[in-house]
All heavy atoms as atom14 arrays in JSON, in Angstrom:
{
  "sequence": "MIIFPNLVINDIMAITVRTFYPTAPDEMMINAFALGVADESEWRREYR",
  "atom14_mask": [
    [1, 1, 1, 1, 1, 1, 1, 1, 0, 0, 0, 0, 0, 0],
    [1, 1, 1, 1, 1, 1, 1, 1, 0, 0, 0, 0, 0, 0],
    [1, 1, 1, 1, 1, 1, 1, 1, 0, 0, 0, 0, 0, 0],
    [1, 1, 1, 1, 1, 1, 1, 1, 1, 1, 1, 0, 0, 0],
    [1, 1, 1, 1, 1, 1, 1, 0, 0, 0, 0, 0, 0, 0],
    [1, 1, 1, 1, 1, 1, 1, 1, 0, 0, 0, 0, 0, 0],
    [1, 1, 1, 1, 1, 1, 1, 1, 0, 0, 0, 0, 0, 0],
    [1, 1, 1, 1, 1, 1, 1, 0, 0, 0, 0, 0, 0, 0],
    [1, 1, 1, 1, 1, 1, 1, 1, 0, 0, 0, 0, 0, 0],
    [1, 1, 1, 1, 1, 1, 1, 1, 0, 0, 0, 0, 0, 0],
    [1, 1, 1, 1, 1, 1, 1, 1, 0, 0, 0, 0, 0, 0],
    [1, 1, 1, 1, 1, 1, 1, 1, 0, 0, 0, 0, 0, 0],
    [1, 1, 1, 1, 1, 1, 1, 1, 0, 0, 0, 0, 0, 0],
    [1, 1, 1, 1, 1, 0, 0, 0, 0, 0, 0, 0, 0, 0],
    [1, 1, 1, 1, 1, 1, 1, 1, 0, 0, 0, 0, 0, 0],
    [1, 1, 1, 1, 1, 1, 1, 0, 0, 0, 0, 0, 0, 0],
    [1, 1, 1, 1, 1, 1, 1, 0, 0, 0, 0, 0, 0, 0],
    [1, 1, 1, 1, 1, 1, 1, 1, 1, 1, 1, 0, 0, 0],
    [1, 1, 1, 1, 1, 1, 1, 0, 0, 0, 0, 0, 0, 0],
    [1, 1, 1, 1, 1, 1, 1, 1, 1, 1, 1, 0, 0, 0],
    [1, 1, 1, 1, 1, 1, 1, 1, 1, 1, 1, 1, 0, 0],
    [1, 1, 1, 1, 1, 1, 1, 0, 0, 0, 0, 0, 0, 0],
    [1, 1, 1, 1, 1, 1, 1, 0, 0, 0, 0, 0, 0, 0],
    [1, 1, 1, 1, 1, 0, 0, 0, 0, 0, 0, 0, 0, 0],
    [1, 1, 1, 1, 1, 1, 1, 0, 0, 0, 0, 0, 0, 0],
    [1, 1, 1, 1, 1, 1, 1, 1, 0, 0, 0, 0, 0, 0],
    [1, 1, 1, 1, 1, 1, 1, 1, 1, 0, 0, 0, 0, 0],
    [1, 1, 1, 1, 1, 1, 1, 1, 0, 0, 0, 0, 0, 0],
    [1, 1, 1, 1, 1, 1, 1, 1, 0, 0, 0, 0, 0, 0],
    [1, 1, 1, 1, 1, 1, 1, 1, 0, 0, 0, 0, 0, 0],
    [1, 1, 1, 1, 1, 1, 1, 1, 0, 0, 0, 0, 0, 0],
    [1, 1, 1, 1, 1, 0, 0, 0, 0, 0, 0, 0, 0, 0],
    [1, 1, 1, 1, 1, 1, 1, 1, 1, 1, 1, 0, 0, 0],
    [1, 1, 1, 1, 1, 0, 0, 0, 0, 0, 0, 0, 0, 0],
    [1, 1, 1, 1, 1, 1, 1, 1, 0, 0, 0, 0, 0, 0],
    [1, 1, 1, 1, 0, 0, 0, 0, 0, 0, 0, 0, 0, 0],
    [1, 1, 1, 1, 1, 1, 1, 0, 0, 0, 0, 0, 0, 0],
    [1, 1, 1, 1, 1, 0, 0, 0, 0, 0, 0, 0, 0, 0],
    [1, 1, 1, 1, 1, 1, 1, 1, 0, 0, 0, 0, 0, 0],
    [1, 1, 1, 1, 1, 1, 1, 1, 1, 0, 0, 0, 0, 0],
    [1, 1, 1, 1, 1, 1, 0, 0, 0, 0, 0, 0, 0, 0],
    [1, 1, 1, 1, 1, 1, 1, 1, 1, 0, 0, 0, 0, 0],
    [1, 1, 1, 1, 1, 1, 1, 1, 1, 1, 1, 1, 1, 1],
    [1, 1, 1, 1, 1, 1, 1, 1, 1, 1, 1, 0, 0, 0],
    [1, 1, 1, 1, 1, 1, 1, 1, 1, 1, 1, 0, 0, 0],
    [1, 1, 1, 1, 1, 1, 1, 1, 1, 0, 0, 0, 0, 0],
    [1, 1, 1, 1, 1, 1, 1, 1, 1, 1, 1, 1, 0, 0],
    [1, 1, 1, 1, 1, 1, 1, 1, 1, 1, 1, 0, 0, 0]
  ],
  "atom14_positions": [
    [[-0.73, -157.44, -56.42], [-0.63, -156.41, -55.39], [-0.15, -155.09, -55.97], [0.75, -155.06, -56.79], [0.33, -156.86, -54.28], [0.53, -155.82, -53.17], [1.38, -156.45, -51.69], [2.97, -156.9, -52.38], [0.0, 0.0, 0.0], [0.0, 0.0, 0.0], [0.0, 0.0, 0.0], [0.0, 0.0, 0.0], [0.0, 0.0, 0.0], [0.0, 0.0, 0.0]],
    [[-0.76, -154.01, -55.52], [-0.29, -152.66, -55.81], [0.25, -152.05, -54.52], [-0.42, -152.1, -53.48], [-1.4, -151.78, -56.41], [-0.9, -150.34, -56.64], [-2.66, -151.78, -55.58], [0.1, -150.18, -57.72], [0.0, 0.0, 0.0], [0.0, 0.0, 0.0], [0.0, 0.0, 0.0], [0.0, 0.0, 0.0], [0.0, 0.0, 0.0], [0.0, 0.0, 0.0]],
    [[1.45, -151.54, -54.57], [2.01, -150.74, -53.49], [2.02, -149.3, -53.97], [2.68, -148.96, -54.96], [3.43, -151.22, -53.1], [3.34, -152.63, -52.51], [4.07, -150.26, -52.1], [4.68, -153.23, -52.13], [0.0, 0.0, 0.0], [0.0, 0.0, 0.0], [0.0, 0.0, 0.0], [0.0, 0.0, 0.0], [0.0, 0.0, 0.0], [0.0, 0.0, 0.0]],
    [[1.24, -148.48, -53.3], [1.0, -147.11, -53.72], [2.33, -146.33, -53.81], [3.17, -146.42, -52.91], [0.08, -146.42, -52.71], [-0.41, -145.07, -53.14], [-1.62, -144.92, -53.79], [0.34, -143.94, -52.88], [-2.08, -143.68, -54.19], [-0.1, -142.69, -53.28], [-1.32, -142.55, -53.93], [0.0, 0.0, 0.0], [0.0, 0.0, 0.0], [0.0, 0.0, 0.0]],
    [[2.54, -145.57, -54.89], [1.59, -145.33, -55.98], [1.76, -146.21, -57.2], [0.8, -146.38, -57.96], [1.89, -143.88, -56.35], [3.37, -143.72, -56.1], [3.66, -144.59, -54.89], [0.0, 0.0, 0.0], [0.0, 0.0, 0.0], [0.0, 0.0, 0.0], [0.0, 0.0, 0.0], [0.0, 0.0, 0.0], [0.0, 0.0, 0.0], [0.0, 0.0, 0.0]],
    [[2.97, -146.79, -57.44], [3.22, -147.33, -58.77], [4.06, -148.59, -58.8], [4.75, -148.85, -59.79], [3.89, -146.25, -59.63], [5.31, -145.93, -59.16], [5.61, -146.04, -57.97], [6.18, -145.52, -60.08], [0.0, 0.0, 0.0], [0.0, 0.0, 0.0], [0.0, 0.0, 0.0], [0.0, 0.0, 0.0], [0.0, 0.0, 0.0], [0.0, 0.0, 0.0]],
    [[4.03, -149.4, -57.76], [4.7, -150.69, -57.78], [3.66, -151.79, -57.82], [2.78, -151.85, -56.95], [5.61, -150.87, -56.55], [6.21, -152.27, -56.37], [7.12, -152.65, -57.54], [6.98, -152.37, -55.05], [0.0, 0.0, 0.0], [0.0, 0.0, 0.0], [0.0, 0.0, 0.0], [0.0, 0.0, 0.0], [0.0, 0.0, 0.0], [0.0, 0.0, 0.0]],
    [[3.77, -152.66, -58.8], [2.9, -153.82, -58.92], [3.74, -155.07, -58.81], [4.78, -155.2, -59.48], [2.13, -153.81, -60.26], [1.44, -155.16, -60.5], [1.12, -152.68, -60.28], [0.0, 0.0, 0.0], [0.0, 0.0, 0.0], [0.0, 0.0, 0.0], [0.0, 0.0, 0.0], [0.0, 0.0, 0.0], [0.0, 0.0, 0.0], [0.0, 0.0, 0.0]],
    [[3.33, -155.99, -57.96], [3.95, -157.31, -57.88], [2.85, -158.34, -58.14], [1.9, -158.45, -57.35], [4.63, -157.55, -56.53], [5.76, -156.52, -56.32], [5.19, -158.97, -56.46], [6.47, -156.64, -54.99], [0.0, 0.0, 0.0], [0.0, 0.0, 0.0], [0.0, 0.0, 0.0], [0.0, 0.0, 0.0], [0.0, 0.0, 0.0], [0.0, 0.0, 0.0]],
    [[2.98, -159.06, -59.23], [2.04, -160.11, -59.58], [2.73, -161.45, -59.37], [3.64, -161.83, -60.11], [1.57, -159.98, -61.02], [0.63, -158.81, -61.21], [0.03, -158.3, -60.26], [0.47, -158.36, -62.44], [0.0, 0.0, 0.0], [0.0, 0.0, 0.0], [0.0, 0.0, 0.0], [0.0, 0.0, 0.0], [0.0, 0.0, 0.0], [0.0, 0.0, 0.0]],
    [[2.31, -162.17, -58.36], [2.83, -163.5, -58.05], [1.76, -164.49, -58.53], [0.91, -164.95, -57.76], [3.08, -163.62, -56.54], [3.61, -164.99, -56.12], [3.94, -165.8, -57.01], [3.67, -165.25, -54.9], [0.0, 0.0, 0.0], [0.0, 0.0, 0.0], [0.0, 0.0, 0.0], [0.0, 0.0, 0.0], [0.0, 0.0, 0.0], [0.0, 0.0, 0.0]],
    [[1.83, -164.82, -59.83], [0.78, -165.63, -60.44], [1.42, -166.88, -61.08], [2.07, -167.65, -60.34], [-0.08, -164.81, -61.42], [0.77, -163.92, -62.34], [-0.97, -163.87, -60.61], [-0.04, -163.1, -63.34], [0.0, 0.0, 0.0], [0.0, 0.0, 0.0], [0.0, 0.0, 0.0], [0.0, 0.0, 0.0], [0.0, 0.0, 0.0], [0.0, 0.0, 0.0]],
    [[1.27, -167.1, -62.38], [1.96, -168.24, -62.98], [3.47, -167.99, -63.12], [4.24, -168.91, -63.4], [1.35, -168.61, -64.33], [1.54, -167.6, -65.44], [0.51, -166.15, -65.28], [-1.11, -166.89, -65.58], [0.0, 0.0, 0.0], [0.0, 0.0, 0.0], [0.0, 0.0, 0.0], [0.0, 0.0, 0.0], [0.0, 0.0, 0.0], [0.0, 0.0, 0.0]],
    [[3.86, -166.76, -62.94], [5.23, -166.33, -62.75], [5.17, -165.08, -61.89], [4.09, -164.64, -61.5], [5.92, -166.06, -64.08], [0.0, 0.0, 0.0], [0.0, 0.0, 0.0], [0.0, 0.0, 0.0], [0.0, 0.0, 0.0], [0.0, 0.0, 0.0], [0.0, 0.0, 0.0], [0.0, 0.0, 0.0], [0.0, 0.0, 0.0], [0.0, 0.0, 0.0]],
    [[6.31, -164.53, -61.54], [6.33, -163.33, -60.71], [6.87, -162.17, -61.53], [7.97, -162.25, -62.09], [7.18, -163.49, -59.44], [6.73, -164.71, -58.64], [7.1, -162.23, -58.57], [7.62, -165.0, -57.44], [0.0, 0.0, 0.0], [0.0, 0.0, 0.0], [0.0, 0.0, 0.0], [0.0, 0.0, 0.0], [0.0, 0.0, 0.0], [0.0, 0.0, 0.0]],
    [[6.1, -161.1, -61.6], [6.57, -159.89, -62.26], [6.6, -158.75, -61.27], [5.73, -158.63, -60.4], [5.69, -159.52, -63.46], [6.21, -158.36, -64.11], [4.27, -159.2, -63.04], [0.0, 0.0, 0.0], [0.0, 0.0, 0.0], [0.0, 0.0, 0.0], [0.0, 0.0, 0.0], [0.0, 0.0, 0.0], [0.0, 0.0, 0.0], [0.0, 0.0, 0.0]],
    [[7.63, -157.92, -61.38], [7.76, -156.69, -60.62], [7.68, -155.57, -61.64], [8.51, -155.48, -62.54], [9.09, -156.64, -59.85], [9.22, -155.32, -59.08], [9.2, -157.82, -58.89], [0.0, 0.0, 0.0], [0.0, 0.0, 0.0], [0.0, 0.0, 0.0], [0.0, 0.0, 0.0], [0.0, 0.0, 0.0], [0.0, 0.0, 0.0], [0.0, 0.0, 0.0]],
    [[6.7, -154.69, -61.5], [6.42, -153.69, -62.55], [6.26, -152.31, -61.92], [5.54, -152.14, -60.94], [5.16, -154.08, -63.31], [4.78, -153.15, -64.45], [3.48, -153.59, -65.07], [3.59, -154.87, -65.75], [2.62, -155.77, -65.84], [1.45, -155.54, -65.26], [2.8, -156.9, -66.49], [0.0, 0.0, 0.0], [0.0, 0.0, 0.0], [0.0, 0.0, 0.0]],
    [[6.96, -151.34, -62.49], [6.77, -149.95, -62.1], [6.44, -149.13, -63.33], [6.77, -149.51, -64.46], [8.03, -149.36, -61.42], [9.12, -149.37, -62.35], [8.42, -150.16, -60.19], [0.0, 0.0, 0.0], [0.0, 0.0, 0.0], [0.0, 0.0, 0.0], [0.0, 0.0, 0.0], [0.0, 0.0, 0.0], [0.0, 0.0, 0.0], [0.0, 0.0, 0.0]],
    [[5.82, -147.99, -63.11], [5.43, -147.14, -64.22], [5.33, -145.7, -63.74], [5.14, -145.43, -62.56], [4.09, -147.6, -64.83], [3.09, -148.07, -63.82], [2.13, -147.23, -63.3], [3.12, -149.39, -63.39], [1.21, -147.67, -62.37], [2.2, -149.85, -62.44], [1.25, -148.99, -61.94], [0.0, 0.0, 0.0], [0.0, 0.0, 0.0], [0.0, 0.0, 0.0]],
    [[5.5, -144.79, -64.71], [5.53, -143.37, -64.37], [4.93, -142.58, -65.51], [5.25, -142.83, -66.68], [6.96, -142.9, -64.09], [7.04, -141.45, -63.67], [6.63, -141.06, -62.39], [7.49, -140.47, -64.55], [6.67, -139.74, -62.01], [7.54, -139.13, -64.16], [7.13, -138.77, -62.89], [7.17, -137.45, -62.5], [0.0, 0.0, 0.0], [0.0, 0.0, 0.0]],
    [[4.06, -141.61, -65.2], [3.44, -140.84, -66.28], [4.4, -139.85, -66.9], [5.15, -139.16, -66.2], [2.3, -140.11, -65.56], [2.77, -139.97, -64.13], [3.57, -141.21, -63.86], [0.0, 0.0, 0.0], [0.0, 0.0, 0.0], [0.0, 0.0, 0.0], [0.0, 0.0, 0.0], [0.0, 0.0, 0.0], [0.0, 0.0, 0.0], [0.0, 0.0, 0.0]],
    [[4.41, -139.78, -68.2], [5.15, -138.75, -68.93], [4.22, -137.66, -69.45], [4.67, -136.61, -69.87], [5.92, -139.37, -70.1], [5.01, -140.07, -70.95], [6.99, -140.35, -69.58], [0.0, 0.0, 0.0], [0.0, 0.0, 0.0], [0.0, 0.0, 0.0], [0.0, 0.0, 0.0], [0.0, 0.0, 0.0], [0.0, 0.0, 0.0], [0.0, 0.0, 0.0]],
    [[2.92, -137.94, -69.42], [1.87, -136.99, -69.81], [0.56, -137.53, -69.25], [0.51, -138.68, -68.8], [1.79, -136.87, -71.34], [0.0, 0.0, 0.0], [0.0, 0.0, 0.0], [0.0, 0.0, 0.0], [0.0, 0.0, 0.0], [0.0, 0.0, 0.0], [0.0, 0.0, 0.0], [0.0, 0.0, 0.0], [0.0, 0.0, 0.0], [0.0, 0.0, 0.0]],
    [[-0.5, -136.73, -69.23], [-1.77, -137.27, -68.73], [-2.22, -138.53, -69.45], [-2.9, -139.37, -68.83], [-2.75, -136.12, -68.95], [-1.9, -134.88, -68.93], [-0.61, -135.29, -69.57], [0.0, 0.0, 0.0], [0.0, 0.0, 0.0], [0.0, 0.0, 0.0], [0.0, 0.0, 0.0], [0.0, 0.0, 0.0], [0.0, 0.0, 0.0], [0.0, 0.0, 0.0]],
    [[-1.84, -138.69, -70.71], [-2.29, -139.82, -71.5], [-1.16, -140.74, -71.93], [-1.28, -141.47, -72.93], [-3.06, -139.34, -72.74], [-2.21, -138.48, -73.67], [-1.08, -138.11, -73.29], [-2.7, -138.18, -74.79], [0.0, 0.0, 0.0], [0.0, 0.0, 0.0], [0.0, 0.0, 0.0], [0.0, 0.0, 0.0], [0.0, 0.0, 0.0], [0.0, 0.0, 0.0]],
    [[-0.07, -140.77, -71.19], [1.04, -141.65, -71.55], [1.83, -142.03, -70.31], [2.0, -141.23, -69.39], [1.96, -140.99, -72.57], [3.07, -141.91, -73.06], [3.96, -141.26, -74.1], [4.43, -140.13, -73.86], [4.18, -141.86, -75.15], [0.0, 0.0, 0.0], [0.0, 0.0, 0.0], [0.0, 0.0, 0.0], [0.0, 0.0, 0.0], [0.0, 0.0, 0.0]],
    [[2.35, -143.27, -70.29], [3.21, -143.71, -69.2], [4.32, -144.6, -69.75], [4.16, -145.22, -70.82], [2.4, -144.5, -68.16], [1.83, -145.81, -68.67], [0.83, -146.69, -67.47], [-0.77, -146.71, -68.34], [0.0, 0.0, 0.0], [0.0, 0.0, 0.0], [0.0, 0.0, 0.0], [0.0, 0.0, 0.0], [0.0, 0.0, 0.0], [0.0, 0.0, 0.0]],
    [[5.42, -144.66, -69.03], [6.51, -145.57, -69.31], [6.51, -146.69, -68.28], [6.32, -146.44, -67.09], [7.85, -144.84, -69.29], [7.99, -143.78, -70.37], [7.93, -144.45, -72.06], [9.32, -145.61, -72.03], [0.0, 0.0, 0.0], [0.0, 0.0, 0.0], [0.0, 0.0, 0.0], [0.0, 0.0, 0.0], [0.0, 0.0, 0.0], [0.0, 0.0, 0.0]],
    [[6.72, -147.92, -68.73], [6.66, -149.09, -67.85], [8.01, -149.79, -67.87], [8.63, -149.97, -68.92], [5.57, -150.07, -68.31], [4.19, -149.41, -68.26], [5.56, -151.32, -67.44], [3.74, -148.83, -69.55], [0.0, 0.0, 0.0], [0.0, 0.0, 0.0], [0.0, 0.0, 0.0], [0.0, 0.0, 0.0], [0.0, 0.0, 0.0], [0.0, 0.0, 0.0]],
    [[8.45, -150.23, -66.68], [9.6, -151.11, -66.53], [9.12, -152.37, -65.81], [8.52, -152.27, -64.73], [10.72, -150.46, -65.72], [11.4, -149.34, -66.49], [11.64, -149.45, -67.67], [11.71, -148.26, -65.82], [0.0, 0.0, 0.0], [0.0, 0.0, 0.0], [0.0, 0.0, 0.0], [0.0, 0.0, 0.0], [0.0, 0.0, 0.0], [0.0, 0.0, 0.0]],
    [[9.39, -153.52, -66.38], [8.95, -154.77, -65.78], [10.11, -155.74, -65.68], [10.97, -155.81, -66.57], [7.81, -155.4, -66.59], [0.0, 0.0, 0.0], [0.0, 0.0, 0.0], [0.0, 0.0, 0.0], [0.0, 0.0, 0.0], [0.0, 0.0, 0.0], [0.0, 0.0, 0.0], [0.0, 0.0, 0.0], [0.0, 0.0, 0.0], [0.0, 0.0, 0.0]],
    [[10.13, -156.5, -64.58], [11.21, -157.43, -64.3], [10.61, -158.78, -63.88], [9.59, -158.82, -63.2], [12.1, -156.92, -63.16], [12.46, -155.46, -63.26], [11.63, -154.48, -62.73], [13.62, -155.06, -63.89], [11.95, -153.14, -62.81], [13.96, -153.72, -63.99], [13.11, -152.76, -63.44], [0.0, 0.0, 0.0], [0.0, 0.0, 0.0], [0.0, 0.0, 0.0]],
    [[11.26, -159.86, -64.25], [10.87, -161.18, -63.79], [11.64, -161.5, -62.52], [12.84, -161.27, -62.41], [11.16, -162.24, -64.86], [0.0, 0.0, 0.0], [0.0, 0.0, 0.0], [0.0, 0.0, 0.0], [0.0, 0.0, 0.0], [0.0, 0.0, 0.0], [0.0, 0.0, 0.0], [0.0, 0.0, 0.0], [0.0, 0.0, 0.0], [0.0, 0.0, 0.0]],
    [[10.94, -162.06, -61.54], [11.53, -162.44, -60.26], [11.39, -163.95, -60.1], [10.33, -164.51, -60.4], [10.84, -161.71, -59.12], [11.45, -161.83, -57.72], [12.76, -161.04, -57.63], [10.49, -161.32, -56.66], [0.0, 0.0, 0.0], [0.0, 0.0, 0.0], [0.0, 0.0, 0.0], [0.0, 0.0, 0.0], [0.0, 0.0, 0.0], [0.0, 0.0, 0.0]],
    [[12.45, -164.6, -59.66], [12.4, -166.04, -59.48], [13.15, -166.5, -58.25], [13.89, -165.73, -57.62], [0.0, 0.0, 0.0], [0.0, 0.0, 0.0], [0.0, 0.0, 0.0], [0.0, 0.0, 0.0], [0.0, 0.0, 0.0], [0.0, 0.0, 0.0], [0.0, 0.0, 0.0], [0.0, 0.0, 0.0], [0.0, 0.0, 0.0], [0.0, 0.0, 0.0]],
    [[12.95, -167.76, -57.9], [13.66, -168.37, -56.78], [15.13, -168.56, -57.16], [15.43, -169.11, -58.22], [13.02, -169.72, -56.41], [13.83, -170.45, -55.35], [11.58, -169.51, -55.95], [0.0, 0.0, 0.0], [0.0, 0.0, 0.0], [0.0, 0.0, 0.0], [0.0, 0.0, 0.0], [0.0, 0.0, 0.0], [0.0, 0.0, 0.0], [0.0, 0.0, 0.0]],
    [[16.03, -168.1, -56.31], [17.45, -168.07, -56.66], [18.04, -169.45, -56.92], [18.93, -169.6, -57.76], [18.24, -167.34, -55.57], [0.0, 0.0, 0.0], [0.0, 0.0, 0.0], [0.0, 0.0, 0.0], [0.0, 0.0, 0.0], [0.0, 0.0, 0.0], [0.0, 0.0, 0.0], [0.0, 0.0, 0.0], [0.0, 0.0, 0.0], [0.0, 0.0, 0.0]],
    [[17.58, -170.46, -56.2], [18.19, -171.79, -56.32], [17.29, -172.79, -57.03], [17.49, -174.0, -56.89], [18.56, -172.33, -54.93], [17.34, -172.55, -54.05], [16.24, -172.02, -54.38], [17.47, -173.25, -53.01], [0.0, 0.0, 0.0], [0.0, 0.0, 0.0], [0.0, 0.0, 0.0], [0.0, 0.0, 0.0], [0.0, 0.0, 0.0], [0.0, 0.0, 0.0]],
    [[16.31, -172.33, -57.82], [15.41, -173.28, -58.44], [16.11, -174.05, -59.56], [17.09, -173.58, -60.15], [14.16, -172.59, -58.97], [14.36, -171.62, -60.09], [13.07, -170.86, -60.41], [12.0, -171.2, -59.86], [13.11, -169.88, -61.18], [0.0, 0.0, 0.0], [0.0, 0.0, 0.0], [0.0, 0.0, 0.0], [0.0, 0.0, 0.0], [0.0, 0.0, 0.0]],
    [[15.58, -175.22, -59.86], [16.17, -176.08, -60.87], [16.01, -175.48, -62.27], [15.22, -174.56, -62.49], [15.49, -177.45, -60.83], [14.14, -177.35, -61.27], [0.0, 0.0, 0.0], [0.0, 0.0, 0.0], [0.0, 0.0, 0.0], [0.0, 0.0, 0.0], [0.0, 0.0, 0.0], [0.0, 0.0, 0.0], [0.0, 0.0, 0.0], [0.0, 0.0, 0.0]],
    [[16.76, -176.05, -63.19], [16.66, -175.6, -64.58], [15.24, -175.8, -65.1], [14.72, -174.98, -65.85], [17.66, -176.36, -65.44], [17.71, -175.92, -66.89], [18.77, -176.64, -67.69], [19.68, -177.23, -67.08], [18.69, -176.64, -68.94], [0.0, 0.0, 0.0], [0.0, 0.0, 0.0], [0.0, 0.0, 0.0], [0.0, 0.0, 0.0], [0.0, 0.0, 0.0]],
    [[14.62, -176.9, -64.7], [13.25, -177.2, -65.13], [12.27, -176.15, -64.63], [11.45, -175.63, -65.39], [12.85, -178.59, -64.63], [11.42, -178.95, -64.96], [10.96, -179.53, -66.1], [10.27, -178.73, -64.14], [9.61, -179.69, -66.05], [9.15, -179.21, -64.84], [10.08, -178.18, -62.87], [7.86, -179.15, -64.34], [8.79, -178.11, -62.36], [7.7, -178.59, -63.08]],
    [[12.33, -175.8, -63.35], [11.41, -174.79, -62.81], [11.66, -173.43, -63.43], [10.71, -172.7, -63.73], [11.56, -174.71, -61.28], [11.02, -175.91, -60.54], [11.33, -175.79, -59.06], [10.58, -174.75, -58.41], [10.91, -174.21, -57.24], [12.02, -174.58, -56.62], [10.16, -173.27, -56.7], [0.0, 0.0, 0.0], [0.0, 0.0, 0.0], [0.0, 0.0, 0.0]],
    [[12.91, -173.06, -63.64], [13.23, -171.78, -64.24], [12.69, -171.7, -65.68], [12.18, -170.66, -66.11], [14.74, -171.51, -64.21], [15.19, -170.19, -64.82], [14.57, -168.98, -64.14], [14.83, -168.89, -62.73], [15.88, -168.29, -62.15], [16.8, -167.73, -62.93], [16.0, -168.25, -60.83], [0.0, 0.0, 0.0], [0.0, 0.0, 0.0], [0.0, 0.0, 0.0]],
    [[12.8, -172.8, -66.41], [12.3, -172.82, -67.78], [10.8, -172.54, -67.81], [10.33, -171.73, -68.62], [12.59, -174.18, -68.42], [12.04, -174.31, -69.85], [12.26, -175.69, -70.44], [12.97, -176.5, -69.82], [11.71, -175.97, -71.54], [0.0, 0.0, 0.0], [0.0, 0.0, 0.0], [0.0, 0.0, 0.0], [0.0, 0.0, 0.0], [0.0, 0.0, 0.0]],
    [[10.04, -173.22, -66.96], [8.6, -173.02, -66.95], [8.22, -171.64, -66.41], [7.24, -171.03, -66.85], [7.9, -174.13, -66.18], [7.66, -175.36, -67.03], [8.45, -176.49, -66.89], [6.67, -175.37, -68.0], [8.25, -177.6, -67.68], [6.45, -176.48, -68.8], [7.24, -177.59, -68.65], [7.05, -178.69, -69.44], [0.0, 0.0, 0.0], [0.0, 0.0, 0.0]],
    [[8.99, -171.15, -65.45], [8.71, -169.82, -64.91], [8.85, -168.76, -66.01], [7.97, -167.91, -66.19], [9.67, -169.5, -63.76], [9.44, -168.1, -63.16], [10.46, -167.8, -62.08], [10.44, -168.74, -60.99], [9.57, -168.71, -59.98], [8.65, -167.77, -59.93], [9.61, -169.62, -59.03], [0.0, 0.0, 0.0], [0.0, 0.0, 0.0], [0.0, 0.0, 0.0]]
  ]
}
């Protein structure tokens, strides 16, 4: 999913929250974070 203009949430084999911002027409900076279930087991967290 893209939330305009620059938030991406990919809920796929894991969940990533990603934002980005242009520093020039041909360059951008990206920040990405992993999101997980707060109470998941050690096993699920490892695979995530």
